[in-house]
Amino acid sequence: MSRLALGTAQFGAYYRVANQRGQVSFQEAKEILIRARFAGFDTIDTAIAYGDSEQRLGQIGVSSWRVISKLPQIDAESGDI
C-alpha cells in the first residue's frame, strides 16, 4: 500500500488550488490514473464536494484502486448513525 493518495478534485470541478487550467478532460483524467498507477499509487481521494469526480471515476473504472470518498457531516439526530 502506498502512503500517498491521488487527489481527484480537478477530475470533477474547477479546483483553484494551484490550478490555472480548470477541470481536466475525461481523457486527461484517464491518463493521470494510468501514470499514477505506473508511479506506484494505489489510492484515490475523492469527495461528493468535487463536482462529478466520483461519476467520472466510475466511468473510467477504478475497481483496482483503493478509493477514499469524503462525505458531508451526518446529523447525529438522523438516526442513521
C-alpha atoms as a PDB file:
ATOM      1  CA  MET A   1       0.000   0.000   0.000  1.00  0.00           C
ATOM      2  CA  SER A   2       1.303   3.422  -0.980  1.00  0.00           C
ATOM      3  CA  ARG A   3       1.401   6.167   1.636  1.00  0.00           C
ATOM      4  CA  LEU A   4       0.254   8.698  -0.964  1.00  0.00           C
ATOM      5  CA  ALA A   5      -3.205   9.159  -2.450  1.00  0.00           C
ATOM      6  CA  LEU A   6      -4.047  10.793  -5.755  1.00  0.00           C
ATOM      7  CA  GLY A   7      -6.399  13.746  -5.258  1.00  0.00           C
ATOM      8  CA  THR A   8      -9.171  13.984  -7.843  1.00  0.00           C
ATOM      9  CA  ALA A   9     -10.813  17.354  -7.160  1.00  0.00           C
ATOM     10  CA  GLN A  10      -9.882  18.572 -10.653  1.00  0.00           C
ATOM     11  CA  PHE A  11     -11.460  15.493 -12.239  1.00  0.00           C
ATOM     12  CA  GLY A  12     -14.919  16.810 -11.431  1.00  0.00           C
ATOM     13  CA  ALA A  13     -14.709  20.532 -10.770  1.00  0.00           C
ATOM     14  CA  TYR A  14     -12.659  23.669 -11.276  1.00  0.00           C
ATOM     15  CA  TYR A  15     -10.495  23.394  -8.183  1.00  0.00           C
ATOM     16  CA  ARG A  16      -8.459  26.569  -7.781  1.00  0.00           C
ATOM     17  CA  VAL A  17      -5.571  25.375  -5.596  1.00  0.00           C
ATOM     18  CA  ALA A  18      -2.502  25.559  -7.873  1.00  0.00           C
ATOM     19  CA  ASN A  19      -4.757  25.106 -10.909  1.00  0.00           C
ATOM     20  CA  GLN A  20      -4.750  27.536 -13.791  1.00  0.00           C
ATOM     21  CA  ARG A  21      -6.398  25.344 -16.454  1.00  0.00           C
ATOM     22  CA  GLY A  22      -9.592  24.230 -14.730  1.00  0.00           C
ATOM     23  CA  GLN A  23     -11.247  20.829 -14.774  1.00  0.00           C
ATOM     24  CA  VAL A  24      -9.294  18.164 -16.639  1.00  0.00           C
ATOM     25  CA  SER A  25     -10.940  16.350 -19.531  1.00  0.00           C
ATOM     26  CA  PHE A  26     -12.118  12.754 -19.294  1.00  0.00           C
ATOM     27  CA  GLN A  27      -9.129  11.599 -21.351  1.00  0.00           C
ATOM     28  CA  GLU A  28      -6.684  13.598 -19.201  1.00  0.00           C
ATOM     29  CA  ALA A  29      -8.165  12.092 -16.042  1.00  0.00           C
ATOM     30  CA  LYS A  30      -7.760   8.615 -17.503  1.00  0.00           C
ATOM     31  CA  GLU A  31      -4.118   9.335 -18.416  1.00  0.00           C
ATOM     32  CA  ILE A  32      -3.420  10.718 -14.945  1.00  0.00           C
ATOM     33  CA  LEU A  33      -4.696   7.488 -13.399  1.00  0.00           C
ATOM     34  CA  ILE A  34      -2.526   5.400 -15.725  1.00  0.00           C
ATOM     35  CA  ARG A  35       0.574   7.430 -14.893  1.00  0.00           C
ATOM     36  CA  ALA A  36      -0.197   7.467 -11.177  1.00  0.00           C
ATOM     37  CA  ARG A  37      -0.552   3.673 -11.155  1.00  0.00           C
ATOM     38  CA  PHE A  38       2.756   3.331 -13.001  1.00  0.00           C
ATOM     39  CA  ALA A  39       4.343   5.627 -10.371  1.00  0.00           C
ATOM     40  CA  GLY A  40       3.132   3.340  -7.582  1.00  0.00           C
ATOM     41  CA  PHE A  41      -0.095   4.994  -6.440  1.00  0.00           C
ATOM     42  CA  ASP A  42      -2.894   2.649  -5.359  1.00  0.00           C
ATOM     43  CA  THR A  43      -5.279   5.039  -3.568  1.00  0.00           C
ATOM     44  CA  ILE A  44      -7.618   7.726  -4.905  1.00  0.00           C
ATOM     45  CA  ASP A  45      -9.017  10.551  -2.779  1.00  0.00           C
ATOM     46  CA  THR A  46     -12.363  11.992  -3.856  1.00  0.00           C
ATOM     47  CA  ALA A  47     -15.459  13.628  -2.321  1.00  0.00           C
ATOM     48  CA  ILE A  48     -19.069  14.469  -3.033  1.00  0.00           C
ATOM     49  CA  ALA A  49     -17.949  18.119  -2.971  1.00  0.00           C
ATOM     50  CA  TYR A  50     -15.692  17.528  -6.004  1.00  0.00           C
ATOM     51  CA  GLY A  51     -18.470  18.010  -8.553  1.00  0.00           C
ATOM     52  CA  ASP A  52     -18.804  14.973 -10.815  1.00  0.00           C
ATOM     53  CA  SER A  53     -15.434  13.468  -9.844  1.00  0.00           C
ATOM     54  CA  GLU A  54     -17.000  10.298  -8.424  1.00  0.00           C
ATOM     55  CA  GLN A  55     -19.115   9.806 -11.539  1.00  0.00           C
ATOM     56  CA  ARG A  56     -16.081  10.274 -13.771  1.00  0.00           C
ATOM     57  CA  LEU A  57     -14.036   7.824 -11.755  1.00  0.00           C
ATOM     58  CA  GLY A  58     -16.852   5.303 -12.132  1.00  0.00           C
ATOM     59  CA  GLN A  59     -16.871   5.807 -15.904  1.00  0.00           C
ATOM     60  CA  ILE A  60     -13.098   5.381 -16.101  1.00  0.00           C
ATOM     61  CA  GLY A  61     -13.172   2.319 -13.851  1.00  0.00           C
ATOM     62  CA  VAL A  62     -11.361   2.230 -10.546  1.00  0.00           C
ATOM     63  CA  SER A  63     -12.103  -1.261  -9.247  1.00  0.00           C
ATOM     64  CA  SER A  64      -8.393  -1.987  -8.840  1.00  0.00           C
ATOM     65  CA  TRP A  65      -7.869   1.164  -6.750  1.00  0.00           C
ATOM     66  CA  ARG A  66      -8.474   1.878  -3.080  1.00  0.00           C
ATOM     67  CA  VAL A  67     -10.976   4.755  -3.053  1.00  0.00           C
ATOM     68  CA  ILE A  68     -11.430   7.213  -0.206  1.00  0.00           C
ATOM     69  CA  SER A  69     -14.548   9.356  -0.627  1.00  0.00           C
ATOM     70  CA  LYS A  70     -15.305  12.083   1.865  1.00  0.00           C
ATOM     71  CA  LEU A  71     -18.957  12.602   2.799  1.00  0.00           C
ATOM     72  CA  PRO A  72     -20.686  15.609   4.341  1.00  0.00           C
ATOM     73  CA  GLN A  73     -21.246  15.520   8.087  1.00  0.00           C
ATOM     74  CA  ILE A  74     -24.205  13.347   9.077  1.00  0.00           C
ATOM     75  CA  ASP A  75     -26.642  14.885  11.541  1.00  0.00           C
ATOM     76  CA  ALA A  76     -26.493  12.885  14.803  1.00  0.00           C
ATOM     77  CA  GLU A  77     -30.280  13.153  15.097  1.00  0.00           C
ATOM     78  CA  SER A  78     -30.893  11.469  11.754  1.00  0.00           C
ATOM     79  CA  GLY A  79     -30.909   8.035  13.364  1.00  0.00           C
ATOM     80  CA  ASP A  80     -28.609   6.670  10.657  1.00  0.00           C
ATOM     81  CA  ILE A  81     -25.501   6.580  12.809  1.00  0.00           C
END
